[in-house]
Amino acid sequence: MMNQSKSKKTNFSFDALKGRQSVRATFTLPKHSITLPKHSINLLSTVASQLGVKQKSIFDHLIEDKKSLDRIADEVRHYEPKQHQRKQKTFVLSRNCLTALDTFAREYKLSRDSLVEFSIKQLHPVIAQEKKRHENRKTLLKEMENFRKLGSQLMKKARFLVGDDDIVQKLDSFFHQYDKSMEELKTGIEKGKCMEEFQ
């Protein structure tokens, strides 16, 4: 009895892992349209890069959500995609995700490309939120740079007044860490520049 239980558990694990295998699938998507504005064909990769999440994981989240697909299906039925200015785009997704997408497309007699297009469209609120944070980071950086200028003046004055004593060394250590924080913030802002093209 125990052996049978172990066997079933092993088979289940094997099937589950097989379903998570990465596969490549190519879809024909618009370069820009009402559903995917200019540059948004790269929306998935941009969100993945900004959040530090694999594209495959985001696709799993988008496609394997049955309720979300049901809602998308209603939109797709009334959507007439234009054939011009479309482009083939290859994505990496899990085998389970691709199977779910194919099954859903057949069941509802809908275009697989349109289902993917409208699924990616759901990421626009995410990119909008991240863009807001990106702009806030730029504002913060300006404030930090202004404060740092005052800090440099303070350090010069402190050294003039008391020399290089313990207090001045602590101030110097503080501003050293402060500079590191500014550099990290600058790196994050540079990484987020890819979002600025999204409207």
N, C-alpha and C. Protein backbone atom coordinates (compact mmCIF):
# COMPACT_ATOMS: atom_id res chain seq x y z
N MET A 1 0.84 -1.21 0.00
CA MET A 1 0.00 0.00 0.00
C MET A 1 0.86 1.25 0.00
N MET A 2 1.93 1.21 0.79
CA MET A 2 2.84 2.34 0.88
C MET A 2 3.59 2.54 -0.43
N ASN A 3 3.96 1.42 -1.11
CA ASN A 3 4.67 1.51 -2.38
C ASN A 3 3.82 2.17 -3.44
N GLN A 4 2.50 1.83 -3.47
CA GLN A 4 1.61 2.43 -4.45
C GLN A 4 1.50 3.93 -4.23
N SER A 5 1.46 4.32 -2.94
CA SER A 5 1.36 5.74 -2.63
C SER A 5 2.58 6.49 -3.12
N LYS A 6 3.77 5.90 -2.91
CA LYS A 6 5.00 6.54 -3.36
C LYS A 6 5.04 6.64 -4.87
N SER A 7 4.54 5.57 -5.56
CA SER A 7 4.56 5.54 -7.02
C SER A 7 3.68 6.66 -7.59
N LYS A 8 2.48 6.81 -6.99
CA LYS A 8 1.58 7.87 -7.46
C LYS A 8 2.19 9.24 -7.26
N LYS A 9 2.85 9.43 -6.12
CA LYS A 9 3.47 10.71 -5.82
C LYS A 9 4.57 11.03 -6.82
N THR A 10 5.36 10.00 -7.19
CA THR A 10 6.45 10.18 -8.15
C THR A 10 5.91 10.55 -9.52
N ASN A 11 4.85 9.86 -9.97
CA ASN A 11 4.25 10.15 -11.27
C ASN A 11 3.69 11.56 -11.31
N PHE A 12 3.04 11.94 -10.22
CA PHE A 12 2.47 13.29 -10.16
C PHE A 12 3.58 14.33 -10.27
N SER A 13 4.65 14.12 -9.54
CA SER A 13 5.76 15.07 -9.55
C SER A 13 6.38 15.16 -10.93
N PHE A 14 6.51 14.01 -11.61
CA PHE A 14 7.10 14.00 -12.95
C PHE A 14 6.24 14.79 -13.92
N ASP A 15 4.92 14.56 -13.88
CA ASP A 15 4.01 15.28 -14.78
C ASP A 15 4.02 16.78 -14.49
N ALA A 16 4.06 17.12 -13.18
CA ALA A 16 4.07 18.53 -12.81
C ALA A 16 5.32 19.22 -13.31
N LEU A 17 6.45 18.55 -13.15
CA LEU A 17 7.71 19.13 -13.62
C LEU A 17 7.75 19.23 -15.13
N LYS A 18 7.21 18.22 -15.81
CA LYS A 18 7.18 18.24 -17.27
C LYS A 18 6.35 19.41 -17.77
N GLY A 19 5.26 19.69 -17.07
CA GLY A 19 4.40 20.80 -17.45
C GLY A 19 5.07 22.15 -17.29
N ARG A 20 6.09 22.20 -16.43
CA ARG A 20 6.82 23.45 -16.19
C ARG A 20 7.98 23.64 -17.16
N GLN A 21 8.20 22.67 -18.05
CA GLN A 21 9.28 22.82 -19.03
C GLN A 21 9.09 24.07 -19.87
N SER A 22 10.19 24.69 -20.21
CA SER A 22 10.13 25.90 -21.03
C SER A 22 9.99 25.52 -22.51
N VAL A 23 9.08 26.19 -23.19
CA VAL A 23 8.90 25.99 -24.62
C VAL A 23 8.83 27.37 -25.28
N ARG A 24 9.12 27.42 -26.56
CA ARG A 24 9.03 28.67 -27.30
C ARG A 24 7.79 28.65 -28.19
N ALA A 25 7.09 29.75 -28.21
CA ALA A 25 5.90 29.86 -29.05
C ALA A 25 5.90 31.23 -29.70
N THR A 26 5.55 31.26 -30.99
CA THR A 26 5.55 32.51 -31.75
C THR A 26 4.12 32.97 -32.02
N PHE A 27 3.86 34.23 -31.76
CA PHE A 27 2.55 34.82 -31.98
C PHE A 27 2.70 36.05 -32.88
N THR A 28 1.66 36.35 -33.64
CA THR A 28 1.66 37.53 -34.49
C THR A 28 0.87 38.63 -33.79
N LEU A 29 1.59 39.63 -33.34
CA LEU A 29 0.99 40.70 -32.55
C LEU A 29 1.16 42.04 -33.23
N PRO A 30 0.28 42.98 -32.93
CA PRO A 30 0.41 44.32 -33.54
C PRO A 30 1.57 45.08 -32.94
N LYS A 31 2.25 45.88 -33.78
CA LYS A 31 3.30 46.75 -33.26
C LYS A 31 2.67 47.81 -32.37
N HIS A 32 1.51 48.30 -32.78
CA HIS A 32 0.75 49.23 -31.96
C HIS A 32 -0.71 49.20 -32.41
N SER A 33 -1.59 49.31 -31.43
CA SER A 33 -3.03 49.29 -31.70
C SER A 33 -3.75 49.84 -30.48
N ILE A 34 -5.08 49.75 -30.48
CA ILE A 34 -5.84 50.22 -29.33
C ILE A 34 -5.50 49.38 -28.11
N THR A 35 -5.32 48.08 -28.32
CA THR A 35 -5.06 47.20 -27.19
C THR A 35 -3.60 47.21 -26.77
N LEU A 36 -2.71 47.33 -27.74
CA LEU A 36 -1.28 47.37 -27.43
C LEU A 36 -0.68 48.63 -28.03
N PRO A 37 -0.63 49.73 -27.27
CA PRO A 37 -0.09 50.98 -27.80
C PRO A 37 1.36 50.83 -28.25
N LYS A 38 1.86 51.90 -28.86
CA LYS A 38 3.20 51.89 -29.42
C LYS A 38 4.23 51.32 -28.45
N HIS A 39 5.05 50.44 -28.95
CA HIS A 39 6.15 49.79 -28.22
C HIS A 39 5.68 48.70 -27.26
N SER A 40 4.38 48.54 -27.09
CA SER A 40 3.90 47.61 -26.08
C SER A 40 4.06 46.15 -26.46
N ILE A 41 4.54 45.89 -27.68
CA ILE A 41 4.84 44.51 -28.03
C ILE A 41 5.96 44.00 -27.12
N ASN A 42 6.72 44.93 -26.54
CA ASN A 42 7.78 44.58 -25.60
C ASN A 42 7.35 44.75 -24.15
N LEU A 43 6.05 44.91 -23.94
CA LEU A 43 5.54 45.16 -22.60
C LEU A 43 5.90 44.03 -21.63
N LEU A 44 5.74 42.79 -22.08
CA LEU A 44 6.00 41.65 -21.20
C LEU A 44 7.45 41.63 -20.73
N SER A 45 8.39 41.81 -21.67
CA SER A 45 9.81 41.77 -21.29
C SER A 45 10.17 42.95 -20.39
N THR A 46 9.54 44.10 -20.62
CA THR A 46 9.83 45.27 -19.80
C THR A 46 9.36 45.07 -18.36
N VAL A 47 8.14 44.55 -18.20
CA VAL A 47 7.62 44.28 -16.85
C VAL A 47 8.48 43.23 -16.15
N ALA A 48 8.86 42.20 -16.89
CA ALA A 48 9.69 41.14 -16.30
C ALA A 48 11.02 41.70 -15.82
N SER A 49 11.64 42.54 -16.65
CA SER A 49 12.93 43.13 -16.29
C SER A 49 12.81 44.04 -15.08
N GLN A 50 11.77 44.87 -15.07
CA GLN A 50 11.60 45.84 -13.99
C GLN A 50 11.31 45.17 -12.66
N LEU A 51 10.50 44.10 -12.68
CA LEU A 51 10.11 43.44 -11.44
C LEU A 51 11.07 42.32 -11.05
N GLY A 52 11.99 41.98 -11.95
CA GLY A 52 12.92 40.90 -11.66
C GLY A 52 12.25 39.54 -11.66
N VAL A 53 11.24 39.39 -12.55
CA VAL A 53 10.47 38.14 -12.66
C VAL A 53 10.65 37.59 -14.07
N LYS A 54 10.73 36.28 -14.20
CA LYS A 54 10.88 35.68 -15.52
C LYS A 54 9.61 35.88 -16.34
N GLN A 55 9.81 36.10 -17.64
CA GLN A 55 8.66 36.25 -18.54
C GLN A 55 7.75 35.04 -18.47
N LYS A 56 8.35 33.87 -18.37
CA LYS A 56 7.57 32.63 -18.32
C LYS A 56 6.62 32.63 -17.11
N SER A 57 7.11 33.12 -15.97
CA SER A 57 6.28 33.17 -14.76
C SER A 57 5.11 34.12 -14.94
N ILE A 58 5.36 35.25 -15.61
CA ILE A 58 4.28 36.21 -15.85
C ILE A 58 3.25 35.61 -16.79
N PHE A 59 3.72 34.93 -17.84
CA PHE A 59 2.80 34.28 -18.77
C PHE A 59 1.96 33.23 -18.05
N ASP A 60 2.59 32.44 -17.18
CA ASP A 60 1.84 31.45 -16.40
C ASP A 60 0.73 32.13 -15.61
N HIS A 61 1.06 33.24 -15.00
CA HIS A 61 0.08 33.98 -14.19
C HIS A 61 -1.06 34.51 -15.06
N LEU A 62 -0.74 35.00 -16.25
CA LEU A 62 -1.75 35.58 -17.13
C LEU A 62 -2.65 34.53 -17.77
N ILE A 63 -2.04 33.48 -18.30
CA ILE A 63 -2.78 32.51 -19.12
C ILE A 63 -3.48 31.45 -18.28
N GLU A 64 -2.88 31.05 -17.16
CA GLU A 64 -3.45 29.95 -16.38
C GLU A 64 -4.55 30.42 -15.43
N ASP A 65 -4.85 31.73 -15.46
CA ASP A 65 -5.95 32.26 -14.65
C ASP A 65 -7.24 32.14 -15.46
N LYS A 66 -8.04 31.12 -15.16
CA LYS A 66 -9.25 30.82 -15.94
C LYS A 66 -10.25 31.98 -15.93
N LYS A 67 -10.45 32.58 -14.78
CA LYS A 67 -11.40 33.69 -14.69
C LYS A 67 -10.98 34.86 -15.57
N SER A 68 -9.68 35.11 -15.56
CA SER A 68 -9.16 36.21 -16.38
C SER A 68 -9.35 35.90 -17.86
N LEU A 69 -9.09 34.66 -18.26
CA LEU A 69 -9.26 34.27 -19.66
C LEU A 69 -10.73 34.35 -20.09
N ASP A 70 -11.64 33.99 -19.20
CA ASP A 70 -13.07 34.10 -19.51
C ASP A 70 -13.44 35.56 -19.80
N ARG A 71 -12.90 36.46 -19.00
CA ARG A 71 -13.19 37.87 -19.20
C ARG A 71 -12.57 38.37 -20.51
N ILE A 72 -11.34 37.92 -20.77
CA ILE A 72 -10.65 38.31 -22.00
C ILE A 72 -11.41 37.80 -23.23
N ALA A 73 -11.96 36.60 -23.13
CA ALA A 73 -12.67 35.99 -24.25
C ALA A 73 -13.82 36.87 -24.72
N ASP A 74 -14.53 37.49 -23.78
CA ASP A 74 -15.64 38.38 -24.14
C ASP A 74 -15.15 39.58 -24.94
N GLU A 75 -13.97 40.11 -24.57
CA GLU A 75 -13.41 41.25 -25.30
C GLU A 75 -12.94 40.82 -26.69
N VAL A 76 -12.31 39.66 -26.77
CA VAL A 76 -11.75 39.19 -28.04
C VAL A 76 -12.85 38.95 -29.06
N ARG A 77 -14.00 38.48 -28.61
CA ARG A 77 -15.11 38.19 -29.54
C ARG A 77 -15.55 39.43 -30.30
N HIS A 78 -15.40 40.59 -29.71
CA HIS A 78 -15.82 41.84 -30.35
C HIS A 78 -14.63 42.61 -30.92
N TYR A 79 -13.52 41.93 -31.04
CA TYR A 79 -12.30 42.59 -31.51
C TYR A 79 -11.99 42.16 -32.93
N GLU A 80 -11.77 43.12 -33.80
CA GLU A 80 -11.40 42.82 -35.18
C GLU A 80 -9.99 43.35 -35.43
N PRO A 81 -8.99 42.48 -35.28
CA PRO A 81 -7.60 42.93 -35.43
C PRO A 81 -7.27 43.34 -36.85
N LYS A 82 -6.52 44.41 -36.97
CA LYS A 82 -6.06 44.86 -38.28
C LYS A 82 -4.81 44.08 -38.66
N GLN A 83 -4.71 43.74 -39.90
CA GLN A 83 -3.62 42.88 -40.34
C GLN A 83 -2.32 43.65 -40.60
N HIS A 84 -2.43 44.96 -40.83
CA HIS A 84 -1.21 45.69 -41.13
C HIS A 84 -0.45 46.03 -39.85
N GLN A 85 0.83 46.25 -40.01
CA GLN A 85 1.73 46.61 -38.92
C GLN A 85 1.68 45.60 -37.78
N ARG A 86 1.75 44.34 -38.15
CA ARG A 86 1.82 43.27 -37.15
C ARG A 86 3.20 42.62 -37.25
N LYS A 87 3.60 42.00 -36.19
CA LYS A 87 4.95 41.48 -36.11
C LYS A 87 4.96 40.16 -35.34
N GLN A 88 5.77 39.23 -35.80
CA GLN A 88 5.90 37.97 -35.09
C GLN A 88 6.78 38.16 -33.85
N LYS A 89 6.34 37.62 -32.76
CA LYS A 89 7.08 37.75 -31.50
C LYS A 89 7.13 36.38 -30.82
N THR A 90 8.32 35.94 -30.49
CA THR A 90 8.50 34.64 -29.85
C THR A 90 8.69 34.83 -28.35
N PHE A 91 7.91 34.09 -27.58
CA PHE A 91 8.01 34.15 -26.13
C PHE A 91 8.38 32.78 -25.57
N VAL A 92 8.99 32.79 -24.41
CA VAL A 92 9.26 31.55 -23.68
C VAL A 92 8.16 31.41 -22.63
N LEU A 93 7.47 30.27 -22.63
CA LEU A 93 6.44 30.02 -21.64
C LEU A 93 6.47 28.55 -21.26
N SER A 94 5.74 28.19 -20.25
CA SER A 94 5.74 26.80 -19.80
C SER A 94 4.85 25.95 -20.70
N ARG A 95 5.11 24.65 -20.70
CA ARG A 95 4.30 23.73 -21.51
C ARG A 95 2.84 23.76 -21.05
N ASN A 96 2.63 23.84 -19.73
CA ASN A 96 1.27 23.93 -19.19
C ASN A 96 0.55 25.16 -19.71
N CYS A 97 1.27 26.27 -19.74
CA CYS A 97 0.69 27.54 -20.18
C CYS A 97 0.28 27.46 -21.65
N LEU A 98 1.15 26.90 -22.49
CA LEU A 98 0.86 26.79 -23.91
C LEU A 98 -0.32 25.85 -24.14
N THR A 99 -0.37 24.76 -23.40
CA THR A 99 -1.48 23.81 -23.51
C THR A 99 -2.80 24.48 -23.12
N ALA A 100 -2.77 25.23 -22.02
CA ALA A 100 -3.98 25.93 -21.57
C ALA A 100 -4.44 26.94 -22.61
N LEU A 101 -3.48 27.64 -23.21
CA LEU A 101 -3.82 28.63 -24.23
C LEU A 101 -4.43 27.98 -25.46
N ASP A 102 -3.82 26.89 -25.93
CA ASP A 102 -4.34 26.17 -27.10
C ASP A 102 -5.74 25.60 -26.82
N THR A 103 -5.91 25.02 -25.65
CA THR A 103 -7.20 24.43 -25.28
C THR A 103 -8.29 25.49 -25.22
N PHE A 104 -7.97 26.61 -24.60
CA PHE A 104 -8.94 27.69 -24.47
C PHE A 104 -9.31 28.27 -25.83
N ALA A 105 -8.32 28.44 -26.70
CA ALA A 105 -8.57 28.99 -28.03
C ALA A 105 -9.50 28.07 -28.83
N ARG A 106 -9.26 26.77 -28.74
CA ARG A 106 -10.12 25.81 -29.46
C ARG A 106 -11.52 25.78 -28.86
N GLU A 107 -11.60 25.76 -27.55
CA GLU A 107 -12.88 25.67 -26.87
C GLU A 107 -13.79 26.85 -27.18
N TYR A 108 -13.19 28.04 -27.24
CA TYR A 108 -13.98 29.25 -27.47
C TYR A 108 -13.93 29.72 -28.92
N LYS A 109 -13.22 28.95 -29.76
CA LYS A 109 -13.09 29.28 -31.19
C LYS A 109 -12.58 30.71 -31.39
N LEU A 110 -11.49 31.01 -30.69
CA LEU A 110 -10.89 32.34 -30.74
C LEU A 110 -9.46 32.26 -31.24
N SER A 111 -8.97 33.37 -31.75
CA SER A 111 -7.60 33.44 -32.22
C SER A 111 -6.63 33.39 -31.04
N ARG A 112 -5.66 32.50 -31.13
CA ARG A 112 -4.66 32.40 -30.07
C ARG A 112 -3.86 33.70 -29.96
N ASP A 113 -3.57 34.32 -31.11
CA ASP A 113 -2.83 35.58 -31.11
C ASP A 113 -3.59 36.67 -30.35
N SER A 114 -4.90 36.74 -30.58
CA SER A 114 -5.71 37.76 -29.91
C SER A 114 -5.79 37.51 -28.41
N LEU A 115 -5.87 36.24 -28.01
CA LEU A 115 -5.88 35.91 -26.59
C LEU A 115 -4.59 36.37 -25.92
N VAL A 116 -3.47 36.15 -26.59
CA VAL A 116 -2.18 36.58 -26.04
C VAL A 116 -2.11 38.10 -25.99
N GLU A 117 -2.59 38.74 -27.06
CA GLU A 117 -2.57 40.20 -27.12
C GLU A 117 -3.33 40.81 -25.95
N PHE A 118 -4.55 40.30 -25.69
CA PHE A 118 -5.36 40.84 -24.61
C PHE A 118 -4.84 40.42 -23.24
N SER A 119 -4.16 39.29 -23.17
CA SER A 119 -3.56 38.88 -21.90
C SER A 119 -2.43 39.83 -21.51
N ILE A 120 -1.59 40.17 -22.50
CA ILE A 120 -0.49 41.09 -22.25
C ILE A 120 -1.02 42.47 -21.88
N LYS A 121 -2.16 42.82 -22.47
CA LYS A 121 -2.79 44.12 -22.20
C LYS A 121 -3.03 44.32 -20.70
N GLN A 122 -3.25 43.22 -19.98
CA GLN A 122 -3.51 43.31 -18.55
C GLN A 122 -2.32 43.85 -17.76
N LEU A 123 -1.16 43.89 -18.38
CA LEU A 123 0.04 44.38 -17.70
C LEU A 123 0.14 45.90 -17.71
N HIS A 124 -0.71 46.57 -18.44
CA HIS A 124 -0.63 48.04 -18.50
C HIS A 124 -0.78 48.71 -17.14
N PRO A 125 -1.71 48.26 -16.27
CA PRO A 125 -1.76 48.86 -14.93
C PRO A 125 -0.47 48.67 -14.14
N VAL A 126 0.19 47.52 -14.38
CA VAL A 126 1.46 47.24 -13.69
C VAL A 126 2.52 48.23 -14.14
N ILE A 127 2.65 48.42 -15.47
CA ILE A 127 3.67 49.32 -15.98
C ILE A 127 3.36 50.76 -15.60
N ALA A 128 2.06 51.11 -15.52
CA ALA A 128 1.67 52.46 -15.11
C ALA A 128 2.10 52.73 -13.67
N GLN A 129 1.92 51.73 -12.83
CA GLN A 129 2.32 51.86 -11.42
C GLN A 129 3.84 51.97 -11.30
N GLU A 130 4.55 51.15 -12.06
CA GLU A 130 6.01 51.18 -12.01
C GLU A 130 6.56 52.49 -12.60
N LYS A 131 5.88 53.03 -13.62
CA LYS A 131 6.30 54.32 -14.18
C LYS A 131 6.17 55.42 -13.14
N LYS A 132 5.11 55.38 -12.37
CA LYS A 132 4.91 56.37 -11.31
C LYS A 132 6.05 56.27 -10.30
N ARG A 133 6.40 55.06 -9.92
CA ARG A 133 7.51 54.87 -8.99
C ARG A 133 8.83 55.36 -9.59
N HIS A 134 8.97 55.12 -10.89
CA HIS A 134 10.17 55.56 -11.60
C HIS A 134 10.30 57.09 -11.54
N GLU A 135 9.19 57.79 -11.79
CA GLU A 135 9.20 59.25 -11.72
C GLU A 135 9.47 59.74 -10.30
N ASN A 136 8.92 59.02 -9.32
CA ASN A 136 9.17 59.38 -7.92
C ASN A 136 10.64 59.19 -7.55
N ARG A 137 11.24 58.13 -8.10
CA ARG A 137 12.67 57.92 -7.84
C ARG A 137 13.51 59.05 -8.41
N LYS A 138 13.14 59.54 -9.59
CA LYS A 138 13.88 60.64 -10.20
C LYS A 138 13.74 61.92 -9.36
N THR A 139 12.54 62.14 -8.82
CA THR A 139 12.32 63.29 -7.95
C THR A 139 13.16 63.17 -6.68
N LEU A 140 13.16 61.97 -6.13
CA LEU A 140 13.96 61.72 -4.91
C LEU A 140 15.44 61.95 -5.17
N LEU A 141 15.92 61.48 -6.33
CA LEU A 141 17.34 61.65 -6.65
C LEU A 141 17.73 63.13 -6.69
N LYS A 142 16.88 63.95 -7.27
CA LYS A 142 17.16 65.40 -7.32
C LYS A 142 17.25 65.98 -5.92
N GLU A 143 16.32 65.55 -5.05
CA GLU A 143 16.34 66.03 -3.67
C GLU A 143 17.61 65.56 -2.96
N MET A 144 18.00 64.33 -3.20
CA MET A 144 19.21 63.79 -2.57
C MET A 144 20.45 64.51 -3.07
N GLU A 145 20.48 64.83 -4.36
CA GLU A 145 21.64 65.55 -4.92
C GLU A 145 21.75 66.96 -4.32
N ASN A 146 20.60 67.61 -4.15
CA ASN A 146 20.61 68.93 -3.53
C ASN A 146 21.12 68.86 -2.09
N PHE A 147 20.66 67.85 -1.36
CA PHE A 147 21.10 67.66 0.02
C PHE A 147 22.59 67.35 0.08
N ARG A 148 23.06 66.59 -0.93
CA ARG A 148 24.48 66.22 -0.93
C ARG A 148 25.38 67.44 -1.13
N LYS A 149 24.92 68.40 -1.92
CA LYS A 149 25.68 69.63 -2.11
C LYS A 149 25.83 70.37 -0.79
N LEU A 150 24.74 70.42 -0.03
CA LEU A 150 24.79 71.04 1.29
C LEU A 150 25.72 70.25 2.22
N GLY A 151 25.69 68.94 2.05
CA GLY A 151 26.55 68.08 2.86
C GLY A 151 28.02 68.33 2.60
N SER A 152 28.36 68.54 1.33
CA SER A 152 29.75 68.82 0.98
C SER A 152 30.21 70.13 1.62
N GLN A 153 29.33 71.12 1.60
CA GLN A 153 29.65 72.40 2.24
C GLN A 153 29.81 72.23 3.75
N LEU A 154 28.93 71.39 4.34
CA LEU A 154 29.01 71.13 5.77
C LEU A 154 30.33 70.46 6.14
N MET A 155 30.78 69.51 5.35
CA MET A 155 32.02 68.80 5.63
C MET A 155 33.22 69.76 5.59
N LYS A 156 33.23 70.64 4.60
CA LYS A 156 34.32 71.62 4.51
C LYS A 156 34.34 72.51 5.75
N LYS A 157 33.15 72.95 6.17
CA LYS A 157 33.05 73.82 7.33
C LYS A 157 33.45 73.08 8.60
N ALA A 158 33.02 71.83 8.73
CA ALA A 158 33.33 71.03 9.91
C ALA A 158 34.83 70.81 10.04
N ARG A 159 35.49 70.50 8.92
CA ARG A 159 36.94 70.30 8.97
C ARG A 159 37.66 71.61 9.32
N PHE A 160 37.11 72.70 8.83
CA PHE A 160 37.73 74.00 9.14
C PHE A 160 37.58 74.33 10.63
N LEU A 161 36.41 73.97 11.20
CA LEU A 161 36.14 74.34 12.58
C LEU A 161 36.83 73.42 13.59
N VAL A 162 36.78 72.11 13.36
CA VAL A 162 37.28 71.18 14.39
C VAL A 162 38.35 70.22 13.87
N GLY A 163 38.72 70.34 12.61
CA GLY A 163 39.74 69.43 12.08
C GLY A 163 39.15 68.07 11.77
N ASP A 164 39.98 67.04 11.86
CA ASP A 164 39.57 65.68 11.48
C ASP A 164 39.31 64.83 12.72
N ASP A 165 38.46 65.33 13.62
CA ASP A 165 38.22 64.57 14.85
C ASP A 165 37.16 63.49 14.62
N ASP A 166 36.71 62.84 15.69
CA ASP A 166 35.78 61.71 15.59
C ASP A 166 34.45 62.10 14.94
N ILE A 167 33.94 63.29 15.30
CA ILE A 167 32.65 63.73 14.76
C ILE A 167 32.73 63.89 13.24
N VAL A 168 33.81 64.50 12.78
CA VAL A 168 33.99 64.70 11.34
C VAL A 168 34.13 63.37 10.63
N GLN A 169 34.82 62.42 11.24
CA GLN A 169 34.97 61.09 10.65
C GLN A 169 33.63 60.37 10.54
N LYS A 170 32.79 60.55 11.56
CA LYS A 170 31.45 59.95 11.51
C LYS A 170 30.59 60.59 10.42
N LEU A 171 30.73 61.91 10.29
CA LEU A 171 30.02 62.59 9.22
C LEU A 171 30.49 62.11 7.85
N ASP A 172 31.79 61.93 7.74
CA ASP A 172 32.37 61.45 6.49
C ASP A 172 31.87 60.05 6.16
N SER A 173 31.77 59.19 7.19
CA SER A 173 31.25 57.82 7.00
C SER A 173 29.78 57.87 6.58
N PHE A 174 29.02 58.79 7.20
CA PHE A 174 27.60 58.94 6.85
C PHE A 174 27.44 59.30 5.38
N PHE A 175 28.21 60.29 4.92
CA PHE A 175 28.07 60.73 3.54
C PHE A 175 28.61 59.71 2.54
N HIS A 176 29.56 58.89 3.01
CA HIS A 176 30.04 57.80 2.15
C HIS A 176 28.89 56.81 1.88
N GLN A 177 28.15 56.44 2.92
CA GLN A 177 27.00 55.55 2.75
C GLN A 177 25.90 56.23 1.95
N TYR A 178 25.76 57.52 2.16
CA TYR A 178 24.76 58.31 1.43
C TYR A 178 25.06 58.28 -0.07
N ASP A 179 26.34 58.43 -0.42
CA ASP A 179 26.74 58.39 -1.83
C ASP A 179 26.45 57.02 -2.45
N LYS A 180 26.67 55.97 -1.67
CA LYS A 180 26.38 54.61 -2.16
C LYS A 180 24.89 54.45 -2.43
N SER A 181 24.07 55.01 -1.54
CA SER A 181 22.62 54.94 -1.73
C SER A 181 22.20 55.69 -2.99
N MET A 182 22.83 56.83 -3.24
CA MET A 182 22.51 57.60 -4.45
C MET A 182 22.89 56.82 -5.71
N GLU A 183 24.03 56.13 -5.66
CA GLU A 183 24.46 55.34 -6.81
C GLU A 183 23.50 54.20 -7.08
N GLU A 184 23.01 53.57 -6.02
CA GLU A 184 22.03 52.49 -6.17
C GLU A 184 20.74 53.03 -6.77
N LEU A 185 20.35 54.21 -6.32
CA LEU A 185 19.14 54.84 -6.86
C LEU A 185 19.32 55.19 -8.33
N LYS A 186 20.48 55.69 -8.70
CA LYS A 186 20.77 56.02 -10.09
C LYS A 186 20.72 54.76 -10.96
N THR A 187 21.23 53.65 -10.44
CA THR A 187 21.20 52.39 -11.18
C THR A 187 19.76 51.95 -11.42
N GLY A 188 18.92 52.08 -10.39
CA GLY A 188 17.51 51.72 -10.53
C GLY A 188 16.79 52.60 -11.54
N ILE A 189 17.13 53.89 -11.55
CA ILE A 189 16.52 54.83 -12.50
C ILE A 189 16.95 54.50 -13.92
N GLU A 190 18.22 54.18 -14.08
CA GLU A 190 18.73 53.81 -15.41
C GLU A 190 18.03 52.56 -15.93
N LYS A 191 17.84 51.60 -15.04
CA LYS A 191 17.14 50.37 -15.41
C LYS A 191 15.70 50.65 -15.81
N GLY A 192 15.08 51.62 -15.15
CA GLY A 192 13.67 51.92 -15.40
C GLY A 192 13.41 52.79 -16.60
N LYS A 193 14.47 53.28 -17.27
CA LYS A 193 14.28 54.16 -18.42
C LYS A 193 13.50 53.49 -19.55
N CYS A 194 13.57 52.16 -19.61
CA CYS A 194 12.86 51.44 -20.66
C CYS A 194 11.36 51.62 -20.55
N MET A 195 10.87 52.02 -19.39
CA MET A 195 9.43 52.20 -19.20
C MET A 195 8.94 53.55 -19.74
N GLU A 196 9.85 54.47 -19.93
CA GLU A 196 9.45 55.83 -20.31
C GLU A 196 8.80 55.89 -21.69
N GLU A 197 9.02 54.85 -22.52
CA GLU A 197 8.43 54.86 -23.86
C GLU A 197 6.97 54.44 -23.87
N PHE A 198 6.49 53.90 -22.75
CA PHE A 198 5.11 53.45 -22.68
C PHE A 198 4.20 54.61 -22.33
N GLN A 199 3.11 54.75 -23.10
CA GLN A 199 2.17 55.85 -22.89
C GLN A 199 1.08 55.44 -21.90
